[in-house]
Amino acid sequence: MDINLFDFNLPEELIAQTPSKKRDECRLMVVDREHKNIEHKKFFDIIDYLNPGDVLVRNNTKVIPARLIGEKEATHGHCECLLLKQIEGDVWECLVGGAHSVRVGTVVSFGHGELKATCVEVLPEGIRRMEFHYEGIFLEVLESLGKMPLPPYIKQQISDNSEYQTVYAKVPGSAAAPTAGFHFTNELFDKLKAKGVEVVDITLNIGLGTFRPVKVQDTKDHVMHSELYEISEEAAERLNKAKAEGRRIIAIGTTSVRTLESCFQKYGTFKATREATAIFINPGYEYKAVDALITNFHLPKSTLVMLVSAFMGRKWTLHCYEEAVKEKYRFFSFGDGMFIYGKYDYSHNAED
């Protein structure tokens, strides 16, 4: 499909620059994809749309301070590295600014030399494999030298790193946050559990695959970068039980969607596994694992808009986005939320 089919007009003032003062008091657009109905609510109202027996699936990944600013030792030239994923030991795949001058053997120093990185492999599109050298514990060194990898449309650094984490963040390793989870508080989870809603944790370490922009004209030419996900024995068992009993599986965020659909598409069931996925969900794809979706409002022409379009149809997705602009919803990472539910006939998806 032509990438321009997923474009929409977004006034810059609707791009949220700061998080909501209270996470669950942001706005919520509730969309019934079966009956093409939209309601405008507060996020804490989501409890009214979830039923006993529903299974909420959340990505418990934790964002690391993955943005490092240093200099090349040989030339003292500025160099910025964004850690994308750990390959093995101290070797990480990084997105490097000014990568044309970072070749195999180039050494980059961060801080006052507490952390150094040597380029060990050159990959396309500004990606380099860097081997890090340090004393002590790597994540502790990162905490002292790294910055939170906020998206470029957020113009200022946050005052507290916890603002760019979900309240359930647990497994370190992501270069971006699963932002649909920002709207949940521990108190809201307590209320949902008291109502009989199950909560299941999975992990997908977010890298370039999730936030890389689409640079091709035809979506069939876009290639996703792989990201590592993990589903535990307990999570797989609970998900399979819910599926067998016909209970709804509700994904919190697009990364939870990609994890669940990757696993179910490959194995025909939920399986305990730790592996990579490069799944690209766009119109024409038939969802097999997920029955409802909690998400944010995403960038025009992004893979995330395409994922949502595959869930409820491209035209209806763009209509909902136009409504969100008209009603002045806040967009992107720190923005408002959307809950999409209801049955859907995927045979019409490509036309929708």
Protein backbone atom coordinates (compact mmCIF):
# COMPACT_ATOMS: atom_id res chain seq x y z
CA MET A 1 0.00 0.00 0.00
CA ASP A 2 1.14 3.56 -0.65
CA ILE A 3 2.56 5.11 2.51
CA ASN A 4 0.52 8.27 1.91
CA LEU A 5 -2.66 6.28 2.61
CA PHE A 6 -1.64 6.42 6.29
CA ASP A 7 -1.03 10.16 6.43
CA PHE A 8 -3.16 12.65 8.35
CA ASN A 9 -2.96 16.29 9.36
CA LEU A 10 -1.72 16.84 12.91
CA PRO A 11 -1.32 20.34 14.37
CA GLU A 12 2.00 20.56 16.22
CA GLU A 13 0.37 21.90 19.37
CA LEU A 14 -1.37 18.53 19.88
CA ILE A 15 1.96 16.71 20.32
CA ALA A 16 2.18 16.14 24.08
CA GLN A 17 5.44 17.46 25.56
CA THR A 18 4.86 16.40 29.16
CA PRO A 19 3.07 13.48 30.82
CA SER A 20 -0.31 13.83 32.50
CA LYS A 21 -0.09 15.04 36.12
CA LYS A 22 -1.95 11.89 37.16
CA ARG A 23 -1.45 8.98 34.79
CA ASP A 24 -5.03 7.66 34.66
CA GLU A 25 -6.68 11.09 34.37
CA CYS A 26 -5.69 11.58 30.73
CA ARG A 27 -8.41 11.31 28.10
CA LEU A 28 -9.55 8.03 26.56
CA MET A 29 -11.20 7.51 23.20
CA VAL A 30 -13.28 4.32 23.36
CA VAL A 31 -13.85 2.80 19.91
CA ASP A 32 -16.28 -0.02 19.13
CA ARG A 33 -14.81 -1.30 15.86
CA GLU A 34 -17.83 -3.54 15.18
CA HIS A 35 -20.53 -0.86 15.38
CA LYS A 36 -18.29 2.09 14.37
CA ASN A 37 -18.99 4.00 17.54
CA ILE A 38 -16.78 6.50 19.42
CA GLU A 39 -17.06 7.62 23.06
CA HIS A 40 -14.96 10.22 24.88
CA LYS A 41 -13.96 9.28 28.43
CA LYS A 42 -11.19 9.57 31.03
CA PHE A 43 -8.66 6.75 31.15
CA PHE A 44 -9.80 5.54 34.59
CA ASP A 45 -13.21 4.84 32.97
CA ILE A 46 -11.61 1.86 31.21
CA ILE A 47 -12.67 -0.26 34.19
CA ASP A 48 -16.26 0.04 32.89
CA TYR A 49 -15.28 -1.63 29.59
CA LEU A 50 -13.31 -4.56 31.03
CA ASN A 51 -15.10 -7.67 32.25
CA PRO A 52 -14.33 -10.38 34.81
CA GLY A 53 -12.20 -13.00 33.05
CA ASP A 54 -10.63 -10.54 30.60
CA VAL A 55 -6.85 -10.88 30.37
CA LEU A 56 -4.79 -7.69 30.22
CA VAL A 57 -1.35 -8.31 28.71
CA ARG A 58 1.36 -5.79 29.49
CA ASN A 59 4.97 -5.44 28.35
CA ASN A 60 7.08 -5.21 31.52
CA THR A 61 10.24 -4.02 29.76
CA LYS A 62 12.20 -1.22 31.42
CA VAL A 63 13.81 1.63 29.51
CA ILE A 64 17.54 2.00 30.10
CA PRO A 65 19.30 5.40 29.83
CA ALA A 66 20.36 4.31 26.36
CA ARG A 67 21.42 7.67 24.89
CA LEU A 68 25.16 8.24 25.28
CA ILE A 69 26.98 11.40 24.21
CA GLY A 70 30.75 11.21 23.84
CA GLU A 71 33.66 11.84 21.52
CA LYS A 72 35.83 9.83 19.16
CA GLU A 73 39.21 9.35 20.84
CA ALA A 74 41.26 9.82 17.67
CA THR A 75 39.67 13.09 16.50
CA HIS A 76 37.74 14.36 19.57
CA GLY A 77 34.74 14.70 17.27
CA HIS A 78 31.24 14.57 18.81
CA CYS A 79 29.60 11.13 18.73
CA GLU A 80 26.18 10.06 19.96
CA CYS A 81 25.15 6.42 20.43
CA LEU A 82 21.69 5.03 21.08
CA LEU A 83 21.84 1.48 22.46
CA LEU A 84 19.27 -0.63 20.61
CA LYS A 85 19.84 -4.18 21.78
CA GLN A 86 22.40 -6.36 23.48
CA ILE A 87 23.96 -8.86 21.06
CA GLU A 88 26.29 -10.82 23.32
CA GLY A 89 28.21 -9.91 26.46
CA ASP A 90 29.30 -6.28 26.17
CA VAL A 91 28.53 -6.00 22.44
CA TRP A 92 25.48 -3.86 21.66
CA GLU A 93 23.79 -2.85 18.44
CA CYS A 94 23.71 0.96 18.39
CA LEU A 95 22.30 3.71 16.22
CA VAL A 96 25.21 6.11 15.80
CA GLY A 97 25.02 9.77 14.83
CA GLY A 98 27.50 10.72 12.13
CA ALA A 99 28.06 7.02 11.58
CA HIS A 100 30.01 7.54 8.33
CA SER A 101 33.08 8.40 10.44
CA VAL A 102 32.66 5.45 12.82
CA ARG A 103 34.47 2.49 11.29
CA VAL A 104 35.71 -0.84 12.65
CA GLY A 105 38.29 0.02 15.29
CA THR A 106 36.94 3.50 16.08
CA VAL A 107 36.96 4.10 19.85
CA VAL A 108 34.37 6.40 21.45
CA SER A 109 34.79 7.72 24.99
CA PHE A 110 31.93 8.76 27.27
CA GLY A 111 32.11 10.82 30.44
CA HIS A 112 35.72 11.16 31.53
CA GLY A 113 36.64 7.79 30.09
CA GLU A 114 34.60 5.75 32.59
CA LEU A 115 32.95 4.14 29.60
CA LYS A 116 34.47 3.44 26.19
CA ALA A 117 33.13 1.66 23.11
CA THR A 118 34.97 0.14 20.16
CA CYS A 119 33.24 -0.35 16.81
CA VAL A 120 33.48 -4.06 15.91
CA GLU A 121 31.06 -4.20 12.97
CA VAL A 122 29.57 -1.77 10.47
CA LEU A 123 25.90 -2.29 9.52
CA PRO A 124 23.65 -0.27 7.17
CA GLU A 125 21.50 2.75 8.08
CA GLY A 126 23.83 4.20 10.71
CA ILE A 127 23.87 1.06 12.85
CA ARG A 128 27.10 -0.15 14.43
CA ARG A 129 27.96 -3.01 16.74
CA MET A 130 29.94 -1.53 19.61
CA GLU A 131 31.87 -3.38 22.31
CA PHE A 132 31.80 -1.50 25.62
CA HIS A 133 34.65 -1.32 28.14
CA TYR A 134 34.09 -0.25 31.75
CA GLU A 135 34.65 -1.14 35.38
CA GLY A 136 31.85 -2.35 37.63
CA ILE A 137 28.26 -3.03 36.54
CA PHE A 138 27.25 -1.86 33.07
CA LEU A 139 23.72 -0.72 33.98
CA GLU A 140 25.07 1.31 36.89
CA VAL A 141 27.58 3.01 34.59
CA LEU A 142 24.73 3.74 32.16
CA GLU A 143 22.66 5.24 34.97
CA SER A 144 25.43 7.75 35.70
CA LEU A 145 26.35 8.64 32.10
CA GLY A 146 23.33 7.90 29.90
CA LYS A 147 20.20 9.93 29.19
CA MET A 148 16.68 8.64 28.71
CA PRO A 149 16.09 8.12 24.96
CA LEU A 150 13.11 10.42 24.54
CA PRO A 151 11.60 10.64 21.04
CA PRO A 152 12.82 13.62 18.96
CA TYR A 153 9.40 15.30 19.03
CA ILE A 154 9.73 15.77 22.82
CA LYS A 155 11.79 18.95 23.04
CA GLN A 156 13.01 18.86 26.65
CA GLN A 157 14.47 16.30 29.01
CA ILE A 158 12.18 15.04 31.77
CA SER A 159 12.96 15.95 35.38
CA ASP A 160 12.41 12.42 36.67
CA ASN A 161 13.33 9.30 34.66
CA SER A 162 10.35 7.45 36.16
CA GLU A 163 8.07 9.65 34.04
CA TYR A 164 9.27 7.71 31.00
CA GLN A 165 8.60 4.29 32.58
CA THR A 166 5.43 2.32 33.20
CA VAL A 167 4.63 1.61 36.86
CA TYR A 168 5.18 -2.09 36.10
CA ALA A 169 8.56 -1.74 34.32
CA LYS A 170 10.76 -4.58 35.51
CA VAL A 171 13.11 -6.07 32.87
CA PRO A 172 15.84 -3.62 31.72
CA GLY A 173 16.74 -3.51 28.04
CA SER A 174 14.58 -1.10 26.00
CA ALA A 175 15.55 1.96 23.99
CA ALA A 176 11.96 3.28 24.15
CA ALA A 177 9.00 2.88 26.46
CA PRO A 178 5.77 0.92 25.81
CA THR A 179 3.88 4.18 26.12
CA ALA A 180 0.29 2.87 26.17
CA GLY A 181 1.15 1.57 29.63
CA PHE A 182 1.88 5.07 30.94
CA HIS A 183 -1.83 5.57 31.70
CA PHE A 184 -2.02 2.82 34.31
CA THR A 185 -1.48 3.32 38.03
CA ASN A 186 -1.01 0.62 40.66
CA GLU A 187 -4.35 1.70 42.15
CA LEU A 188 -6.10 1.16 38.82
CA PHE A 189 -4.56 -2.32 38.50
CA ASP A 190 -5.82 -3.11 42.03
CA LYS A 191 -9.35 -2.09 41.03
CA LEU A 192 -9.20 -4.13 37.83
CA LYS A 193 -7.96 -7.23 39.66
CA ALA A 194 -10.71 -6.79 42.26
CA LYS A 195 -13.21 -6.83 39.38
CA GLY A 196 -11.81 -10.16 38.18
CA VAL A 197 -9.57 -8.94 35.36
CA GLU A 198 -6.38 -11.00 35.00
CA VAL A 199 -3.03 -9.31 34.36
CA VAL A 200 -0.29 -11.19 32.50
CA ASP A 201 3.26 -9.91 31.94
CA ILE A 202 5.32 -10.55 28.82
CA THR A 203 8.54 -8.83 27.70
CA LEU A 204 9.60 -7.25 24.43
CA ASN A 205 12.77 -5.16 24.53
CA ILE A 206 11.94 -2.21 22.31
CA GLY A 207 14.54 -1.27 19.73
CA LEU A 208 14.58 0.21 16.25
CA GLY A 209 11.83 -2.09 14.96
CA THR A 210 9.16 -0.26 16.95
CA PHE A 211 10.03 3.37 16.30
CA ARG A 212 12.00 3.37 13.03
CA PRO A 213 10.23 5.58 10.46
CA VAL A 214 9.02 4.11 7.19
CA LYS A 215 11.23 5.47 4.39
CA VAL A 216 9.80 3.55 1.44
CA GLN A 217 6.83 4.53 -0.73
CA ASP A 218 5.25 1.06 -0.77
CA THR A 219 4.66 -0.66 2.57
CA LYS A 220 5.64 -4.05 1.11
CA ASP A 221 9.22 -2.76 0.83
CA HIS A 222 9.53 -1.87 4.52
CA VAL A 223 11.69 -4.22 6.58
CA MET A 224 11.30 -4.30 10.37
CA HIS A 225 14.37 -4.61 12.60
CA SER A 226 14.14 -7.60 14.92
CA GLU A 227 13.46 -7.26 18.63
CA LEU A 228 13.77 -9.85 21.41
CA TYR A 229 10.65 -11.02 23.23
CA GLU A 230 9.98 -13.49 26.02
CA ILE A 231 6.87 -15.34 27.21
CA SER A 232 7.15 -17.36 30.42
CA GLU A 233 5.64 -20.80 31.07
CA GLU A 234 3.10 -19.27 33.44
CA ALA A 235 2.10 -16.52 31.00
CA ALA A 236 1.68 -19.02 28.13
CA GLU A 237 -0.44 -21.30 30.31
CA ARG A 238 -2.74 -18.49 31.44
CA LEU A 239 -3.12 -17.10 27.92
CA ASN A 240 -3.91 -20.52 26.43
CA LYS A 241 -6.49 -21.15 29.16
CA ALA A 242 -8.18 -17.81 28.43
CA LYS A 243 -8.17 -18.50 24.67
CA ALA A 244 -9.66 -21.99 25.17
CA GLU A 245 -12.42 -20.52 27.38
CA GLY A 246 -13.24 -17.77 24.88
CA ARG A 247 -12.18 -14.96 27.20
CA ARG A 248 -10.86 -11.69 25.76
CA ILE A 249 -7.14 -11.10 25.48
CA ILE A 250 -6.51 -7.36 25.64
CA ALA A 251 -3.08 -6.03 24.70
CA ILE A 252 -1.71 -2.95 26.42
CA GLY A 253 0.25 -1.32 23.61
CA THR A 254 1.53 -2.26 20.19
CA THR A 255 4.60 -4.06 21.58
CA SER A 256 2.35 -6.46 23.49
CA VAL A 257 0.41 -6.95 20.25
CA ARG A 258 3.57 -7.78 18.30
CA THR A 259 4.71 -10.25 20.96
CA LEU A 260 1.39 -12.09 21.16
CA GLU A 261 0.77 -12.17 17.41
CA SER A 262 4.37 -13.23 16.66
CA CYS A 263 4.08 -16.20 18.99
CA PHE A 264 0.58 -17.27 17.96
CA GLN A 265 1.28 -16.85 14.26
CA LYS A 266 4.36 -19.06 14.49
CA TYR A 267 3.14 -21.79 16.84
CA GLY A 268 -0.66 -21.69 16.60
CA THR A 269 -0.74 -21.34 20.38
CA PHE A 270 0.94 -19.36 23.13
CA LYS A 271 4.29 -20.97 23.85
CA ALA A 272 6.95 -20.27 26.46
CA THR A 273 9.78 -18.88 24.36
CA ARG A 274 12.57 -16.34 24.14
CA GLU A 275 13.26 -15.32 20.56
CA ALA A 276 13.39 -12.47 18.07
CA THR A 277 10.51 -11.05 16.08
CA ALA A 278 10.46 -8.79 13.06
CA ILE A 279 6.70 -9.00 12.51
CA PHE A 280 5.22 -6.14 10.47
CA ILE A 281 1.46 -5.88 11.01
CA ASN A 282 -0.41 -3.85 8.40
CA PRO A 283 -3.79 -4.00 6.61
CA GLY A 284 -4.44 -7.46 5.22
CA TYR A 285 -3.12 -9.11 8.38
CA GLU A 286 -5.69 -11.12 10.38
CA TYR A 287 -5.24 -10.91 14.14
CA LYS A 288 -5.20 -14.34 15.79
CA ALA A 289 -4.18 -13.64 19.39
CA VAL A 290 -5.53 -10.24 20.39
CA ASP A 291 -9.22 -9.38 20.88
CA ALA A 292 -8.97 -5.78 22.07
CA LEU A 293 -6.27 -3.11 22.15
CA ILE A 294 -5.23 -0.24 24.40
CA THR A 295 -2.95 2.17 22.55
CA ASN A 296 -1.92 5.80 22.09
CA PHE A 297 -2.29 8.06 19.04
CA HIS A 298 0.65 7.48 16.72
CA LEU A 299 2.79 9.27 14.14
CA PRO A 300 1.43 9.73 10.60
CA LYS A 301 2.69 7.12 8.12
CA SER A 302 4.20 5.01 10.95
CA THR A 303 4.15 1.22 11.33
CA LEU A 304 2.07 1.78 14.49
CA VAL A 305 -0.74 3.51 12.57
CA MET A 306 -0.59 0.59 10.14
CA LEU A 307 -0.87 -1.90 13.01
CA VAL A 308 -3.98 -0.12 14.33
CA SER A 309 -5.38 0.08 10.78
CA ALA A 310 -5.01 -3.69 10.46
CA PHE A 311 -7.02 -4.03 13.69
CA MET A 312 -10.03 -1.93 12.72
CA GLY A 313 -9.63 -0.81 9.11
CA ARG A 314 -7.60 2.04 7.63
CA LYS A 315 -10.50 4.37 6.82
CA TRP A 316 -12.07 4.01 10.26
CA THR A 317 -8.68 4.47 11.93
CA LEU A 318 -8.12 7.74 10.05
CA HIS A 319 -11.68 8.83 10.90
CA CYS A 320 -10.95 8.23 14.60
CA TYR A 321 -7.71 10.20 14.27
CA GLU A 322 -9.55 13.08 12.59
CA GLU A 323 -12.01 13.02 15.49
CA ALA A 324 -9.09 13.06 17.95
CA VAL A 325 -7.62 16.13 16.23
CA LYS A 326 -11.02 17.85 16.23
CA GLU A 327 -11.49 17.10 19.95
CA LYS A 328 -7.90 18.18 20.69
CA TYR A 329 -6.64 14.89 22.09
CA ARG A 330 -2.94 14.84 22.99
CA PHE A 331 -0.79 12.72 20.65
CA PHE A 332 2.21 10.38 20.85
CA SER A 333 4.24 9.11 23.83
CA PHE A 334 2.92 11.41 26.57
CA GLY A 335 -0.49 11.76 24.94
CA ASP A 336 -3.96 10.36 25.53
CA GLY A 337 -5.17 6.79 25.12
CA MET A 338 -7.48 4.75 22.94
CA PHE A 339 -9.36 1.53 23.73
CA ILE A 340 -10.50 -0.50 20.71
CA TYR A 341 -12.86 -3.44 21.15
CA GLY A 342 -15.64 -5.36 19.42
CA LYS A 343 -15.78 -8.02 16.72
CA TYR A 344 -14.29 -7.37 13.30
CA ASP A 345 -14.49 -9.05 9.90
CA TYR A 346 -10.88 -9.21 8.72
CA SER A 347 -11.91 -10.33 5.25
CA HIS A 348 -12.77 -6.69 4.53
CA ASN A 349 -9.62 -5.26 6.08
CA ALA A 350 -7.69 -4.53 2.89
CA GLU A 351 -10.67 -2.60 1.47
CA ASP A 352 -11.46 -0.84 4.77
